[in-house]
Amino acid sequence: MKVQINDSCIACCLCCEMCPKVFRMGDNGAQVVLDVVPESCNDKVNASIEYCPVDAISAC
């Protein structure tokens, strides 16, 4: 799976707390740090997508 974060990110850091292997805080909000999400992180990434308060995260 691949994942991306769009410009609506409000830097709440929820995704970073849920899955720090995939998400980190950058200067302009959260960033995806892996090109391909490891299968072991799929559940946490899917939860991050579901619970993002502004729907800024999507699988691609």
PDB file of N, CA and C in Angstrom:
ATOM      1  N   MET A   1       0.847  -1.176   0.000  1.00  0.00           N
ATOM      2  CA  MET A   1       0.000   0.000   0.000  1.00  0.00           C
ATOM      3  C   MET A   1       0.889   1.233   0.000  1.00  0.00           C
ATOM      4  N   LYS A   2       0.405   2.254  -0.689  1.00  0.00           N
ATOM      5  CA  LYS A   2       1.032   3.570  -0.640  1.00  0.00           C
ATOM      6  C   LYS A   2       0.033   4.522  -0.020  1.00  0.00           C
ATOM      7  N   VAL A   3       0.533   5.559   0.621  1.00  0.00           N
ATOM      8  CA  VAL A   3      -0.340   6.511   1.297  1.00  0.00           C
ATOM      9  C   VAL A   3       0.182   7.922   1.062  1.00  0.00           C
ATOM     10  N   GLN A   4      -0.749   8.875   1.068  1.00  0.00           N
ATOM     11  CA  GLN A   4      -0.356  10.273   0.880  1.00  0.00           C
ATOM     12  C   GLN A   4      -1.155  11.164   1.819  1.00  0.00           C
ATOM     13  N   ILE A   5      -0.615  12.340   2.081  1.00  0.00           N
ATOM     14  CA  ILE A   5      -1.278  13.339   2.918  1.00  0.00           C
ATOM     15  C   ILE A   5      -1.450  14.596   2.079  1.00  0.00           C
ATOM     16  N   ASN A   6      -2.674  15.129   2.058  1.00  0.00           N
ATOM     17  CA  ASN A   6      -2.920  16.322   1.245  1.00  0.00           C
ATOM     18  C   ASN A   6      -2.745  17.606   2.070  1.00  0.00           C
ATOM     19  N   ASP A   7      -2.978  18.728   1.436  1.00  0.00           N
ATOM     20  CA  ASP A   7      -2.733  20.038   2.052  1.00  0.00           C
ATOM     21  C   ASP A   7      -3.710  20.415   3.151  1.00  0.00           C
ATOM     22  N   SER A   8      -4.750  19.625   3.347  1.00  0.00           N
ATOM     23  CA  SER A   8      -5.707  19.955   4.411  1.00  0.00           C
ATOM     24  C   SER A   8      -5.240  19.508   5.790  1.00  0.00           C
ATOM     25  N   CYS A   9      -4.070  18.884   5.885  1.00  0.00           N
ATOM     26  CA  CYS A   9      -3.518  18.444   7.172  1.00  0.00           C
ATOM     27  C   CYS A   9      -3.429  19.626   8.136  1.00  0.00           C
ATOM     28  N   ILE A  10      -3.925  19.427   9.361  1.00  0.00           N
ATOM     29  CA  ILE A  10      -3.896  20.480  10.381  1.00  0.00           C
ATOM     30  C   ILE A  10      -2.830  20.213  11.449  1.00  0.00           C
ATOM     31  N   ALA A  11      -1.953  19.259  11.198  1.00  0.00           N
ATOM     32  CA  ALA A  11      -0.838  18.942  12.094  1.00  0.00           C
ATOM     33  C   ALA A  11      -1.309  18.545  13.489  1.00  0.00           C
ATOM     34  N   CYS A  12      -2.371  17.758  13.544  1.00  0.00           N
ATOM     35  CA  CYS A  12      -2.864  17.310  14.859  1.00  0.00           C
ATOM     36  C   CYS A  12      -1.996  16.206  15.438  1.00  0.00           C
ATOM     37  N   CYS A  13      -1.214  15.548  14.612  1.00  0.00           N
ATOM     38  CA  CYS A  13      -0.247  14.527  15.004  1.00  0.00           C
ATOM     39  C   CYS A  13      -0.877  13.167  15.344  1.00  0.00           C
ATOM     40  N   LEU A  14      -2.162  13.002  15.094  1.00  0.00           N
ATOM     41  CA  LEU A  14      -2.822  11.737  15.383  1.00  0.00           C
ATOM     42  C   LEU A  14      -2.184  10.593  14.608  1.00  0.00           C
ATOM     43  N   CYS A  15      -1.949  10.796  13.323  1.00  0.00           N
ATOM     44  CA  CYS A  15      -1.353   9.733  12.514  1.00  0.00           C
ATOM     45  C   CYS A  15       0.060   9.397  12.986  1.00  0.00           C
ATOM     46  N   CYS A  16       0.799  10.408  13.398  1.00  0.00           N
ATOM     47  CA  CYS A  16       2.163  10.182  13.886  1.00  0.00           C
ATOM     48  C   CYS A  16       2.165   9.364  15.166  1.00  0.00           C
ATOM     49  N   GLU A  17       1.193   9.598  16.002  1.00  0.00           N
ATOM     50  CA  GLU A  17       1.067   8.824  17.240  1.00  0.00           C
ATOM     51  C   GLU A  17       0.583   7.407  16.958  1.00  0.00           C
ATOM     52  N   MET A  18      -0.301   7.243  15.979  1.00  0.00           N
ATOM     53  CA  MET A  18      -0.850   5.929  15.666  1.00  0.00           C
ATOM     54  C   MET A  18       0.146   5.039  14.926  1.00  0.00           C
ATOM     55  N   CYS A  19       0.954   5.633  14.069  1.00  0.00           N
ATOM     56  CA  CYS A  19       1.874   4.843  13.247  1.00  0.00           C
ATOM     57  C   CYS A  19       3.166   5.616  12.965  1.00  0.00           C
ATOM     58  N   PRO A  20       4.033   5.738  13.951  1.00  0.00           N
ATOM     59  CA  PRO A  20       5.258   6.523  13.776  1.00  0.00           C
ATOM     60  C   PRO A  20       6.248   5.944  12.765  1.00  0.00           C
ATOM     61  N   LYS A  21       6.083   4.687  12.373  1.00  0.00           N
ATOM     62  CA  LYS A  21       6.963   4.116  11.351  1.00  0.00           C
ATOM     63  C   LYS A  21       6.660   4.696   9.974  1.00  0.00           C
ATOM     64  N   VAL A  22       5.441   5.194   9.784  1.00  0.00           N
ATOM     65  CA  VAL A  22       5.020   5.673   8.467  1.00  0.00           C
ATOM     66  C   VAL A  22       4.875   7.191   8.429  1.00  0.00           C
ATOM     67  N   PHE A  23       4.439   7.799   9.541  1.00  0.00           N
ATOM     68  CA  PHE A  23       4.169   9.238   9.572  1.00  0.00           C
ATOM     69  C   PHE A  23       5.088   9.963  10.538  1.00  0.00           C
ATOM     70  N   ARG A  24       5.516  11.153  10.145  1.00  0.00           N
ATOM     71  CA  ARG A  24       6.318  12.043  10.995  1.00  0.00           C
ATOM     72  C   ARG A  24       5.812  13.466  10.788  1.00  0.00           C
ATOM     73  N   MET A  25       6.033  14.302  11.797  1.00  0.00           N
ATOM     74  CA  MET A  25       5.678  15.717  11.653  1.00  0.00           C
ATOM     75  C   MET A  25       6.788  16.434  10.903  1.00  0.00           C
ATOM     76  N   GLY A  26       6.385  17.243   9.949  1.00  0.00           N
ATOM     77  CA  GLY A  26       7.311  18.066   9.189  1.00  0.00           C
ATOM     78  C   GLY A  26       7.019  19.531   9.455  1.00  0.00           C
ATOM     79  N   ASP A  27       7.622  20.387   8.699  1.00  0.00           N
ATOM     80  CA  ASP A  27       7.437  21.827   8.873  1.00  0.00           C
ATOM     81  C   ASP A  27       6.010  22.279   8.555  1.00  0.00           C
ATOM     82  N   ASN A  28       5.349  21.575   7.643  1.00  0.00           N
ATOM     83  CA  ASN A  28       4.008  21.978   7.207  1.00  0.00           C
ATOM     84  C   ASN A  28       2.947  20.933   7.523  1.00  0.00           C
ATOM     85  N   GLY A  29       3.134  20.177   8.579  1.00  0.00           N
ATOM     86  CA  GLY A  29       2.179  19.133   8.939  1.00  0.00           C
ATOM     87  C   GLY A  29       2.815  17.760   8.848  1.00  0.00           C
ATOM     88  N   ALA A  30       1.970  16.745   8.878  1.00  0.00           N
ATOM     89  CA  ALA A  30       2.458  15.370   8.839  1.00  0.00           C
ATOM     90  C   ALA A  30       3.004  15.034   7.452  1.00  0.00           C
ATOM     91  N   GLN A  31       3.942  14.092   7.446  1.00  0.00           N
ATOM     92  CA  GLN A  31       4.553  13.627   6.204  1.00  0.00           C
ATOM     93  C   GLN A  31       4.587  12.111   6.220  1.00  0.00           C
ATOM     94  N   VAL A  32       4.537  11.519   5.053  1.00  0.00           N
ATOM     95  CA  VAL A  32       4.727  10.083   4.892  1.00  0.00           C
ATOM     96  C   VAL A  32       6.218   9.857   4.686  1.00  0.00           C
ATOM     97  N   VAL A  33       6.810   8.964   5.487  1.00  0.00           N
ATOM     98  CA  VAL A  33       8.256   8.775   5.413  1.00  0.00           C
ATOM     99  C   VAL A  33       8.672   7.499   4.681  1.00  0.00           C
ATOM    100  N   LEU A  34       7.712   6.680   4.274  1.00  0.00           N
ATOM    101  CA  LEU A  34       8.028   5.463   3.531  1.00  0.00           C
ATOM    102  C   LEU A  34       7.301   5.485   2.185  1.00  0.00           C
ATOM    103  N   ASP A  35       7.980   5.069   1.144  1.00  0.00           N
ATOM    104  CA  ASP A  35       7.345   5.008  -0.179  1.00  0.00           C
ATOM    105  C   ASP A  35       6.250   3.951  -0.217  1.00  0.00           C
ATOM    106  N   VAL A  36       6.513   2.827   0.414  1.00  0.00           N
ATOM    107  CA  VAL A  36       5.550   1.736   0.468  1.00  0.00           C
ATOM    108  C   VAL A  36       5.366   1.346   1.935  1.00  0.00           C
ATOM    109  N   VAL A  37       4.118   1.281   2.376  1.00  0.00           N
ATOM    110  CA  VAL A  37       3.800   0.935   3.760  1.00  0.00           C
ATOM    111  C   VAL A  37       4.034  -0.558   3.955  1.00  0.00           C
ATOM    112  N   PRO A  38       4.822  -0.942   4.980  1.00  0.00           N
ATOM    113  CA  PRO A  38       4.998  -2.367   5.254  1.00  0.00           C
ATOM    114  C   PRO A  38       3.655  -3.001   5.636  1.00  0.00           C
ATOM    115  N   GLU A  39       3.458  -4.223   5.220  1.00  0.00           N
ATOM    116  CA  GLU A  39       2.201  -4.910   5.491  1.00  0.00           C
ATOM    117  C   GLU A  39       1.881  -4.937   6.980  1.00  0.00           C
ATOM    118  N   SER A  40       2.889  -4.995   7.816  1.00  0.00           N
ATOM    119  CA  SER A  40       2.680  -5.029   9.266  1.00  0.00           C
ATOM    120  C   SER A  40       2.077  -3.728   9.801  1.00  0.00           C
ATOM    121  N   CYS A  41       2.130  -2.661   9.020  1.00  0.00           N
ATOM    122  CA  CYS A  41       1.591  -1.362   9.436  1.00  0.00           C
ATOM    123  C   CYS A  41       0.227  -1.052   8.822  1.00  0.00           C
ATOM    124  N   ASN A  42      -0.293  -1.929   7.980  1.00  0.00           N
ATOM    125  CA  ASN A  42      -1.537  -1.645   7.269  1.00  0.00           C
ATOM    126  C   ASN A  42      -2.692  -1.294   8.196  1.00  0.00           C
ATOM    127  N   ASP A  43      -2.866  -2.040   9.287  1.00  0.00           N
ATOM    128  CA  ASP A  43      -3.984  -1.770  10.198  1.00  0.00           C
ATOM    129  C   ASP A  43      -3.872  -0.384  10.821  1.00  0.00           C
ATOM    130  N   LYS A  44      -2.661  -0.007  11.237  1.00  0.00           N
ATOM    131  CA  LYS A  44      -2.461   1.304  11.862  1.00  0.00           C
ATOM    132  C   LYS A  44      -2.640   2.433  10.845  1.00  0.00           C
ATOM    133  N   VAL A  45      -2.182   2.219   9.636  1.00  0.00           N
ATOM    134  CA  VAL A  45      -2.348   3.237   8.595  1.00  0.00           C
ATOM    135  C   VAL A  45      -3.824   3.382   8.237  1.00  0.00           C
ATOM    136  N   ASN A  46      -4.526   2.275   8.111  1.00  0.00           N
ATOM    137  CA  ASN A  46      -5.961   2.341   7.817  1.00  0.00           C
ATOM    138  C   ASN A  46      -6.719   3.048   8.929  1.00  0.00           C
ATOM    139  N   ALA A  47      -6.330   2.819  10.182  1.00  0.00           N
ATOM    140  CA  ALA A  47      -6.949   3.530  11.301  1.00  0.00           C
ATOM    141  C   ALA A  47      -6.630   5.022  11.228  1.00  0.00           C
ATOM    142  N   SER A  48      -5.421   5.359  10.841  1.00  0.00           N
ATOM    143  CA  SER A  48      -5.044   6.767  10.692  1.00  0.00           C
ATOM    144  C   SER A  48      -5.887   7.439   9.622  1.00  0.00           C
ATOM    145  N   ILE A  49      -6.122   6.732   8.523  1.00  0.00           N
ATOM    146  CA  ILE A  49      -6.972   7.264   7.454  1.00  0.00           C
ATOM    147  C   ILE A  49      -8.383   7.487   7.981  1.00  0.00           C
ATOM    148  N   GLU A  50      -8.902   6.506   8.694  1.00  0.00           N
ATOM    149  CA  GLU A  50     -10.277   6.582   9.199  1.00  0.00           C
ATOM    150  C   GLU A  50     -10.469   7.690  10.225  1.00  0.00           C
ATOM    151  N   TYR A  51      -9.495   7.873  11.116  1.00  0.00           N
ATOM    152  CA  TYR A  51      -9.665   8.811  12.225  1.00  0.00           C
ATOM    153  C   TYR A  51      -9.084  10.199  11.989  1.00  0.00           C
ATOM    154  N   CYS A  52      -8.459  10.434  10.848  1.00  0.00           N
ATOM    155  CA  CYS A  52      -7.943  11.774  10.555  1.00  0.00           C
ATOM    156  C   CYS A  52      -9.106  12.757  10.592  1.00  0.00           C
ATOM    157  N   PRO A  53      -9.023  13.794  11.439  1.00  0.00           N
ATOM    158  CA  PRO A  53     -10.179  14.697  11.617  1.00  0.00           C
ATOM    159  C   PRO A  53     -10.507  15.538  10.385  1.00  0.00           C
ATOM    160  N   VAL A  54      -9.596  15.662   9.441  1.00  0.00           N
ATOM    161  CA  VAL A  54      -9.863  16.465   8.238  1.00  0.00           C
ATOM    162  C   VAL A  54      -9.735  15.640   6.946  1.00  0.00           C
ATOM    163  N   ASP A  55      -9.704  14.318   7.082  1.00  0.00           N
ATOM    164  CA  ASP A  55      -9.612  13.425   5.922  1.00  0.00           C
ATOM    165  C   ASP A  55      -8.444  13.786   5.000  1.00  0.00           C
ATOM    166  N   ALA A  56      -7.299  14.077   5.603  1.00  0.00           N
ATOM    167  CA  ALA A  56      -6.128  14.475   4.822  1.00  0.00           C
ATOM    168  C   ALA A  56      -5.304  13.295   4.320  1.00  0.00           C
ATOM    169  N   ILE A  57      -5.557  12.099   4.837  1.00  0.00           N
ATOM    170  CA  ILE A  57      -4.748  10.930   4.490  1.00  0.00           C
ATOM    171  C   ILE A  57      -5.558  10.028   3.576  1.00  0.00           C
ATOM    172  N   SER A  58      -4.900   9.518   2.540  1.00  0.00           N
ATOM    173  CA  SER A  58      -5.567   8.580   1.651  1.00  0.00           C
ATOM    174  C   SER A  58      -4.588   7.549   1.143  1.00  0.00           C
ATOM    175  N   ALA A  59      -5.114   6.368   0.848  1.00  0.00           N
ATOM    176  CA  ALA A  59      -4.307   5.323   0.226  1.00  0.00           C
ATOM    177  C   ALA A  59      -4.316   5.581  -1.270  1.00  0.00           C
ATOM    178  N   CYS A  60      -3.199   5.291  -1.908  1.00  0.00           N
ATOM    179  CA  CYS A  60      -3.129   5.494  -3.351  1.00  0.00           C
ATOM    180  C   CYS A  60      -2.482   4.302  -4.017  1.00  0.00           C
TER     181      CYS A  60
END
